Amino acid sequence: MAVEVAPGVTVGGRLFPASPNAPLLVFFHGNGEIAADYDELAPLFTWLDVTLLVMDFRGYGRSGGQPGARTLLGDAVLAFKATGAVAREHGLEPTRQVVMGRSLGSAAAIQVACQVTENLDGLIIESGFADTGGLLTRMGVRMAGFDEARDGFDNLGKISRVNAPTLVIHGEEDRLVPVVDGRALYERCGAVRKRLLVVAEAGHNDLLAVGMSQYLGAIRDWMAAIV
């Protein structure tokens, strides 16, 4: 599937349907990934009776355009708003819609959650970062005079405006995005209903492998609870 985000520019996605009325999880992946990477993981979600829609960014997978921080945010909102039509085209009538972001995708998901008020029933953040400047520093990128609100994604500021029920999942041994970031996002989240799951011994890229039962159980329970 593809969503037009600008004249002549589309971002692609991969849809993995569960039952016709299963909840829809719109997933924004990490920086070193593309939607096709989730072909093998998708059955774990459909087994939970959750329809998974994994979205790419500009310049990723079969998407057009060039990657960019600002376009990533706006495109995420447009993609989420298009999910209702995508579901109907495939004979799906999801009972609820949840947006999820992993790593870089956390910025996209938080943008959706703080901007979209209709047809959004929840937010899930996996290995999300609170501070863009800190993340860039850990990646070896240094920017003089960096200002989070002006130059970064401002995840921490935006999540304070999120009202949708929120689940934060983070690996305790994450070195790229330390667990302190996950805790900060949880604490600052404006939602009344929120939960933090810290998976012991898990890092940034092995969270699901190390804590599969905790990870899937938390998502299953969360999707069922936000009816």
C-alpha atoms as a PDB file:
ATOM      1  CA  MET A   1       0.000   0.000   0.000  1.00  0.00           C
ATOM      2  CA  ALA A   2       1.049   3.623  -0.460  1.00  0.00           C
ATOM      3  CA  VAL A   3      -0.090   6.995   0.891  1.00  0.00           C
ATOM      4  CA  GLU A   4       0.475  10.239  -1.012  1.00  0.00           C
ATOM      5  CA  VAL A   5       2.127  12.747   1.314  1.00  0.00           C
ATOM      6  CA  ALA A   6       3.050  15.415  -1.252  1.00  0.00           C
ATOM      7  CA  PRO A   7       2.430  15.900  -4.964  1.00  0.00           C
ATOM      8  CA  GLY A   8       4.134  12.966  -6.672  1.00  0.00           C
ATOM      9  CA  VAL A   9       5.538  11.598  -3.397  1.00  0.00           C
ATOM     10  CA  THR A  10       4.196   8.518  -1.641  1.00  0.00           C
ATOM     11  CA  VAL A  11       5.285   6.576   1.424  1.00  0.00           C
ATOM     12  CA  GLY A  12       4.775   2.845   1.423  1.00  0.00           C
ATOM     13  CA  GLY A  13       3.590   0.436   4.046  1.00  0.00           C
ATOM     14  CA  ARG A  14       2.858  -3.234   4.576  1.00  0.00           C
ATOM     15  CA  LEU A  15      -0.456  -4.436   5.948  1.00  0.00           C
ATOM     16  CA  PHE A  16      -0.752  -7.689   7.878  1.00  0.00           C
ATOM     17  CA  PRO A  17      -4.467  -8.325   8.552  1.00  0.00           C
ATOM     18  CA  ALA A  18      -5.826 -10.265  11.502  1.00  0.00           C
ATOM     19  CA  SER A  19      -9.603 -10.769  11.854  1.00  0.00           C
ATOM     20  CA  PRO A  20     -11.897  -8.156  10.216  1.00  0.00           C
ATOM     21  CA  ASN A  21     -12.711  -6.394  13.498  1.00  0.00           C
ATOM     22  CA  ALA A  22      -9.301  -6.746  15.127  1.00  0.00           C
ATOM     23  CA  PRO A  23      -7.701  -3.566  16.490  1.00  0.00           C
ATOM     24  CA  LEU A  24      -5.323  -1.834  14.084  1.00  0.00           C
ATOM     25  CA  LEU A  25      -1.768  -1.069  15.172  1.00  0.00           C
ATOM     26  CA  VAL A  26      -0.089   1.553  12.966  1.00  0.00           C
ATOM     27  CA  PHE A  27       3.649   1.033  13.449  1.00  0.00           C
ATOM     28  CA  PHE A  28       6.516   3.427  12.630  1.00  0.00           C
ATOM     29  CA  HIS A  29       9.843   1.571  12.598  1.00  0.00           C
ATOM     30  CA  GLY A  30      13.393   2.488  13.525  1.00  0.00           C
ATOM     31  CA  ASN A  31      16.089   4.226  11.461  1.00  0.00           C
ATOM     32  CA  GLY A  32      17.940   1.142  10.225  1.00  0.00           C
ATOM     33  CA  GLU A  33      14.781  -0.700   9.197  1.00  0.00           C
ATOM     34  CA  ILE A  34      12.173  -0.806   6.443  1.00  0.00           C
ATOM     35  CA  ALA A  35       8.608  -2.073   6.517  1.00  0.00           C
ATOM     36  CA  ALA A  36       9.553  -5.303   4.742  1.00  0.00           C
ATOM     37  CA  ASP A  37      11.763  -6.236   7.694  1.00  0.00           C
ATOM     38  CA  TYR A  38       8.586  -6.946   9.650  1.00  0.00           C
ATOM     39  CA  ASP A  39       7.359  -9.731   7.375  1.00  0.00           C
ATOM     40  CA  GLU A  40       8.694 -12.353   9.785  1.00  0.00           C
ATOM     41  CA  LEU A  41       7.610 -10.532  12.953  1.00  0.00           C
ATOM     42  CA  ALA A  42       4.083  -9.675  11.812  1.00  0.00           C
ATOM     43  CA  PRO A  43       2.639 -13.145  12.636  1.00  0.00           C
ATOM     44  CA  LEU A  44       3.423 -12.475  16.309  1.00  0.00           C
ATOM     45  CA  PHE A  45       0.974  -9.554  16.177  1.00  0.00           C
ATOM     46  CA  THR A  46      -1.699 -11.229  14.069  1.00  0.00           C
ATOM     47  CA  TRP A  47      -1.510 -14.202  16.465  1.00  0.00           C
ATOM     48  CA  LEU A  48      -2.654 -11.720  19.131  1.00  0.00           C
ATOM     49  CA  ASP A  49      -5.506 -10.798  16.746  1.00  0.00           C
ATOM     50  CA  VAL A  50      -3.970  -7.399  16.077  1.00  0.00           C
ATOM     51  CA  THR A  51      -3.827  -6.098  12.499  1.00  0.00           C
ATOM     52  CA  LEU A  52      -0.381  -4.602  11.901  1.00  0.00           C
ATOM     53  CA  LEU A  53       0.307  -1.776   9.454  1.00  0.00           C
ATOM     54  CA  VAL A  54       4.035  -0.953   9.235  1.00  0.00           C
ATOM     55  CA  MET A  55       4.792   2.404   7.603  1.00  0.00           C
ATOM     56  CA  ASP A  56       8.004   3.499   5.927  1.00  0.00           C
ATOM     57  CA  PHE A  57       9.416   7.038   5.778  1.00  0.00           C
ATOM     58  CA  ARG A  58      10.407   9.005   2.681  1.00  0.00           C
ATOM     59  CA  GLY A  59      13.432   7.407   1.051  1.00  0.00           C
ATOM     60  CA  TYR A  60      12.911   4.098   2.893  1.00  0.00           C
ATOM     61  CA  GLY A  61      11.858   0.881   1.170  1.00  0.00           C
ATOM     62  CA  ARG A  62       9.711   1.678  -1.860  1.00  0.00           C
ATOM     63  CA  SER A  63       8.819   5.162  -0.671  1.00  0.00           C
ATOM     64  CA  GLY A  64       9.677   8.177  -2.780  1.00  0.00           C
ATOM     65  CA  GLY A  65      11.381  11.404  -1.813  1.00  0.00           C
ATOM     66  CA  GLN A  66      14.332  12.013   0.474  1.00  0.00           C
ATOM     67  CA  PRO A  67      14.462  11.339   4.222  1.00  0.00           C
ATOM     68  CA  GLY A  68      13.987  14.401   6.406  1.00  0.00           C
ATOM     69  CA  ALA A  69      13.166  15.102  10.039  1.00  0.00           C
ATOM     70  CA  ARG A  70      10.388  17.613   9.373  1.00  0.00           C
ATOM     71  CA  THR A  71       8.728  15.673   6.565  1.00  0.00           C
ATOM     72  CA  LEU A  72       8.833  12.547   8.711  1.00  0.00           C
ATOM     73  CA  LEU A  73       6.506  14.149  11.252  1.00  0.00           C
ATOM     74  CA  GLY A  74       3.995  15.553   8.802  1.00  0.00           C
ATOM     75  CA  ASP A  75       3.985  12.376   6.737  1.00  0.00           C
ATOM     76  CA  ALA A  76       3.246  10.300   9.831  1.00  0.00           C
ATOM     77  CA  VAL A  77       0.106  12.304  10.539  1.00  0.00           C
ATOM     78  CA  LEU A  78      -1.064  12.006   6.919  1.00  0.00           C
ATOM     79  CA  ALA A  79      -0.357   8.274   6.913  1.00  0.00           C
ATOM     80  CA  PHE A  80      -2.297   7.717  10.122  1.00  0.00           C
ATOM     81  CA  LYS A  81      -5.278   9.690   8.837  1.00  0.00           C
ATOM     82  CA  ALA A  82      -5.321   7.477   5.741  1.00  0.00           C
ATOM     83  CA  THR A  83      -5.511   4.224   7.675  1.00  0.00           C
ATOM     84  CA  GLY A  84      -9.304   4.184   7.809  1.00  0.00           C
ATOM     85  CA  ALA A  85      -9.538   4.129   4.028  1.00  0.00           C
ATOM     86  CA  VAL A  86      -6.763   1.533   3.812  1.00  0.00           C
ATOM     87  CA  ALA A  87      -8.603  -0.724   6.246  1.00  0.00           C
ATOM     88  CA  ARG A  88     -11.880  -0.451   4.334  1.00  0.00           C
ATOM     89  CA  GLU A  89     -10.149  -1.272   1.044  1.00  0.00           C
ATOM     90  CA  HIS A  90      -9.076  -4.573   2.591  1.00  0.00           C
ATOM     91  CA  GLY A  91     -12.437  -5.405   4.159  1.00  0.00           C
ATOM     92  CA  LEU A  92     -11.352  -4.477   7.672  1.00  0.00           C
ATOM     93  CA  GLU A  93     -13.382  -2.630  10.287  1.00  0.00           C
ATOM     94  CA  PRO A  94     -11.034  -2.293  13.272  1.00  0.00           C
ATOM     95  CA  THR A  95     -12.677  -1.713  16.636  1.00  0.00           C
ATOM     96  CA  ARG A  96      -9.901   0.693  17.624  1.00  0.00           C
ATOM     97  CA  GLN A  97      -6.689   2.208  16.297  1.00  0.00           C
ATOM     98  CA  VAL A  98      -3.399   2.542  18.119  1.00  0.00           C
ATOM     99  CA  VAL A  99      -0.187   4.197  16.912  1.00  0.00           C
ATOM    100  CA  MET A 100       3.198   2.725  17.850  1.00  0.00           C
ATOM    101  CA  GLY A 101       6.741   3.939  17.262  1.00  0.00           C
ATOM    102  CA  ARG A 102      10.063   2.222  17.763  1.00  0.00           C
ATOM    103  CA  SER A 103      13.298   4.216  18.216  1.00  0.00           C
ATOM    104  CA  LEU A 104      13.241   6.882  15.461  1.00  0.00           C
ATOM    105  CA  GLY A 105       9.609   5.957  14.883  1.00  0.00           C
ATOM    106  CA  SER A 106       8.803   7.154  18.399  1.00  0.00           C
ATOM    107  CA  ALA A 107       9.002  10.731  17.082  1.00  0.00           C
ATOM    108  CA  ALA A 108       6.441   9.915  14.377  1.00  0.00           C
ATOM    109  CA  ALA A 109       4.099   8.151  16.792  1.00  0.00           C
ATOM    110  CA  ILE A 110       4.276  10.913  19.415  1.00  0.00           C
ATOM    111  CA  GLN A 111       3.591  13.512  16.726  1.00  0.00           C
ATOM    112  CA  VAL A 112       0.466  11.603  15.698  1.00  0.00           C
ATOM    113  CA  ALA A 113      -0.676  11.173  19.295  1.00  0.00           C
ATOM    114  CA  CYS A 114      -0.321  14.854  20.177  1.00  0.00           C
ATOM    115  CA  GLN A 115      -1.885  16.105  16.933  1.00  0.00           C
ATOM    116  CA  VAL A 116      -4.622  13.632  15.984  1.00  0.00           C
ATOM    117  CA  THR A 117      -7.740  13.614  18.165  1.00  0.00           C
ATOM    118  CA  GLU A 118     -10.110  11.455  16.100  1.00  0.00           C
ATOM    119  CA  ASN A 119      -9.872   7.674  15.638  1.00  0.00           C
ATOM    120  CA  LEU A 120      -6.869   7.369  17.948  1.00  0.00           C
ATOM    121  CA  ASP A 121      -7.349   5.079  20.919  1.00  0.00           C
ATOM    122  CA  GLY A 122      -3.831   4.670  22.228  1.00  0.00           C
ATOM    123  CA  LEU A 123      -0.066   5.152  21.898  1.00  0.00           C
ATOM    124  CA  ILE A 124       2.768   2.637  22.327  1.00  0.00           C
ATOM    125  CA  ILE A 125       6.414   3.724  22.471  1.00  0.00           C
ATOM    126  CA  GLU A 126       9.194   1.156  22.094  1.00  0.00           C
ATOM    127  CA  SER A 127      12.786   2.209  22.835  1.00  0.00           C
ATOM    128  CA  GLY A 128      11.803   5.841  22.377  1.00  0.00           C
ATOM    129  CA  PHE A 129      14.158   8.757  22.943  1.00  0.00           C
ATOM    130  CA  ALA A 130      13.319  11.799  25.029  1.00  0.00           C
ATOM    131  CA  ASP A 131      16.205  14.072  24.005  1.00  0.00           C
ATOM    132  CA  THR A 132      17.251  14.384  20.341  1.00  0.00           C
ATOM    133  CA  GLY A 133      20.490  16.188  21.200  1.00  0.00           C
ATOM    134  CA  GLY A 134      21.555  13.432  23.565  1.00  0.00           C
ATOM    135  CA  LEU A 135      20.777  10.779  20.956  1.00  0.00           C
ATOM    136  CA  LEU A 136      22.837  12.599  18.319  1.00  0.00           C
ATOM    137  CA  THR A 137      25.760  12.925  20.719  1.00  0.00           C
ATOM    138  CA  ARG A 138      25.706   9.181  21.435  1.00  0.00           C
ATOM    139  CA  MET A 139      25.742   8.594  17.665  1.00  0.00           C
ATOM    140  CA  GLY A 140      28.820  10.804  17.303  1.00  0.00           C
ATOM    141  CA  VAL A 141      27.008  13.814  15.822  1.00  0.00           C
ATOM    142  CA  ARG A 142      27.726  17.152  17.458  1.00  0.00           C
ATOM    143  CA  MET A 143      25.822  20.342  16.663  1.00  0.00           C
ATOM    144  CA  ALA A 144      26.874  23.668  18.148  1.00  0.00           C
ATOM    145  CA  GLY A 145      24.050  25.629  19.723  1.00  0.00           C
ATOM    146  CA  PHE A 146      21.577  22.747  19.407  1.00  0.00           C
ATOM    147  CA  ASP A 147      18.142  23.624  20.759  1.00  0.00           C
ATOM    148  CA  GLU A 148      15.690  20.749  21.287  1.00  0.00           C
ATOM    149  CA  ALA A 149      12.517  22.718  20.628  1.00  0.00           C
ATOM    150  CA  ARG A 150      13.986  24.353  17.516  1.00  0.00           C
ATOM    151  CA  ASP A 151      16.268  21.677  16.089  1.00  0.00           C
ATOM    152  CA  GLY A 152      15.067  18.398  17.569  1.00  0.00           C
ATOM    153  CA  PHE A 153      11.911  16.310  17.661  1.00  0.00           C
ATOM    154  CA  ASP A 154      11.006  17.509  21.181  1.00  0.00           C
ATOM    155  CA  ASN A 155       9.500  14.136  22.121  1.00  0.00           C
ATOM    156  CA  LEU A 156       9.512  15.025  25.800  1.00  0.00           C
ATOM    157  CA  GLY A 157       7.653  18.275  25.276  1.00  0.00           C
ATOM    158  CA  LYS A 158       5.119  16.777  22.894  1.00  0.00           C
ATOM    159  CA  ILE A 159       4.300  13.718  24.981  1.00  0.00           C
ATOM    160  CA  SER A 160       3.203  16.021  27.798  1.00  0.00           C
ATOM    161  CA  ARG A 161       0.317  17.006  25.498  1.00  0.00           C
ATOM    162  CA  VAL A 162      -0.716  13.411  24.771  1.00  0.00           C
ATOM    163  CA  ASN A 163      -4.040  12.355  26.273  1.00  0.00           C
ATOM    164  CA  ALA A 164      -4.415   8.929  24.680  1.00  0.00           C
ATOM    165  CA  PRO A 165      -3.669   5.898  26.885  1.00  0.00           C
ATOM    166  CA  THR A 166       0.064   5.260  26.585  1.00  0.00           C
ATOM    167  CA  LEU A 167       2.297   2.210  26.996  1.00  0.00           C
ATOM    168  CA  VAL A 168       6.083   2.724  27.110  1.00  0.00           C
ATOM    169  CA  ILE A 169       8.353  -0.304  26.569  1.00  0.00           C
ATOM    170  CA  HIS A 170      12.122  -0.038  27.040  1.00  0.00           C
ATOM    171  CA  GLY A 171      15.127  -2.298  27.487  1.00  0.00           C
ATOM    172  CA  GLU A 172      16.948  -1.860  30.774  1.00  0.00           C
ATOM    173  CA  GLU A 173      20.354  -2.321  29.098  1.00  0.00           C
ATOM    174  CA  ASP A 174      19.695  -0.064  26.091  1.00  0.00           C
ATOM    175  CA  ARG A 175      22.926   1.797  25.335  1.00  0.00           C
ATOM    176  CA  LEU A 176      21.777   3.815  22.319  1.00  0.00           C
ATOM    177  CA  VAL A 177      18.671   5.177  24.022  1.00  0.00           C
ATOM    178  CA  PRO A 178      19.149   4.686  27.780  1.00  0.00           C
ATOM    179  CA  VAL A 179      16.236   3.525  29.865  1.00  0.00           C
ATOM    180  CA  VAL A 180      16.244   6.934  31.563  1.00  0.00           C
ATOM    181  CA  ASP A 181      14.731   8.267  28.327  1.00  0.00           C
ATOM    182  CA  GLY A 182      11.890   5.770  28.485  1.00  0.00           C
ATOM    183  CA  ARG A 183      11.242   6.627  32.117  1.00  0.00           C
ATOM    184  CA  ALA A 184      11.244  10.352  31.293  1.00  0.00           C
ATOM    185  CA  LEU A 185       8.706   9.859  28.486  1.00  0.00           C
ATOM    186  CA  TYR A 186       6.493   7.871  30.837  1.00  0.00           C
ATOM    187  CA  GLU A 187       6.709  10.445  33.607  1.00  0.00           C
ATOM    188  CA  ARG A 188       6.036  13.406  31.313  1.00  0.00           C
ATOM    189  CA  CYS A 189       3.220  11.742  29.382  1.00  0.00           C
ATOM    190  CA  GLY A 190      -0.015  13.668  29.853  1.00  0.00           C
ATOM    191  CA  ALA A 191      -2.236  10.587  29.685  1.00  0.00           C
ATOM    192  CA  VAL A 192      -4.183   9.570  32.759  1.00  0.00           C
ATOM    193  CA  ARG A 193      -3.900   5.906  31.783  1.00  0.00           C
ATOM    194  CA  LYS A 194      -0.284   4.959  31.194  1.00  0.00           C
ATOM    195  CA  ARG A 195       2.093   2.072  31.863  1.00  0.00           C
ATOM    196  CA  LEU A 196       5.857   1.582  31.769  1.00  0.00           C
ATOM    197  CA  LEU A 197       7.387  -1.834  31.009  1.00  0.00           C
ATOM    198  CA  VAL A 198      11.162  -2.128  31.483  1.00  0.00           C
ATOM    199  CA  VAL A 199      12.546  -5.412  30.164  1.00  0.00           C
ATOM    200  CA  ALA A 200      15.558  -6.618  32.147  1.00  0.00           C
ATOM    201  CA  GLU A 201      18.738  -7.491  30.201  1.00  0.00           C
ATOM    202  CA  ALA A 202      17.290  -6.167  26.939  1.00  0.00           C
ATOM    203  CA  GLY A 203      19.124  -3.639  24.784  1.00  0.00           C
ATOM    204  CA  HIS A 204      18.008  -1.444  21.898  1.00  0.00           C
ATOM    205  CA  ASN A 205      17.694  -4.009  19.132  1.00  0.00           C
ATOM    206  CA  ASP A 206      17.018  -7.249  21.021  1.00  0.00           C
ATOM    207  CA  LEU A 207      14.115  -6.165  23.202  1.00  0.00           C
ATOM    208  CA  LEU A 208      11.603  -8.511  21.569  1.00  0.00           C
ATOM    209  CA  ALA A 209      14.023 -11.438  21.478  1.00  0.00           C
ATOM    210  CA  VAL A 210      15.010 -11.090  25.152  1.00  0.00           C
ATOM    211  CA  GLY A 211      11.587 -10.299  26.577  1.00  0.00           C
ATOM    212  CA  MET A 212       9.160 -11.759  24.042  1.00  0.00           C
ATOM    213  CA  SER A 213       6.558 -12.966  26.542  1.00  0.00           C
ATOM    214  CA  GLN A 214       6.611  -9.666  28.462  1.00  0.00           C
ATOM    215  CA  TYR A 215       6.573  -7.597  25.261  1.00  0.00           C
ATOM    216  CA  LEU A 216       3.731  -9.447  23.559  1.00  0.00           C
ATOM    217  CA  GLY A 217       1.799  -9.851  26.794  1.00  0.00           C
ATOM    218  CA  ALA A 218       1.962  -6.124  27.480  1.00  0.00           C
ATOM    219  CA  ILE A 219       0.744  -5.252  23.980  1.00  0.00           C
ATOM    220  CA  ARG A 220      -2.027  -7.875  24.121  1.00  0.00           C
ATOM    221  CA  ASP A 221      -3.256  -6.652  27.503  1.00  0.00           C
ATOM    222  CA  TRP A 222      -2.964  -2.987  26.510  1.00  0.00           C
ATOM    223  CA  MET A 223      -4.900  -3.400  23.280  1.00  0.00           C
ATOM    224  CA  ALA A 224      -7.646  -5.242  25.162  1.00  0.00           C
ATOM    225  CA  ALA A 225      -7.809  -2.715  28.004  1.00  0.00           C
ATOM    226  CA  ILE A 226      -8.320   0.424  25.918  1.00  0.00           C
ATOM    227  CA  VAL A 227     -11.751  -0.549  24.622  1.00  0.00           C
END
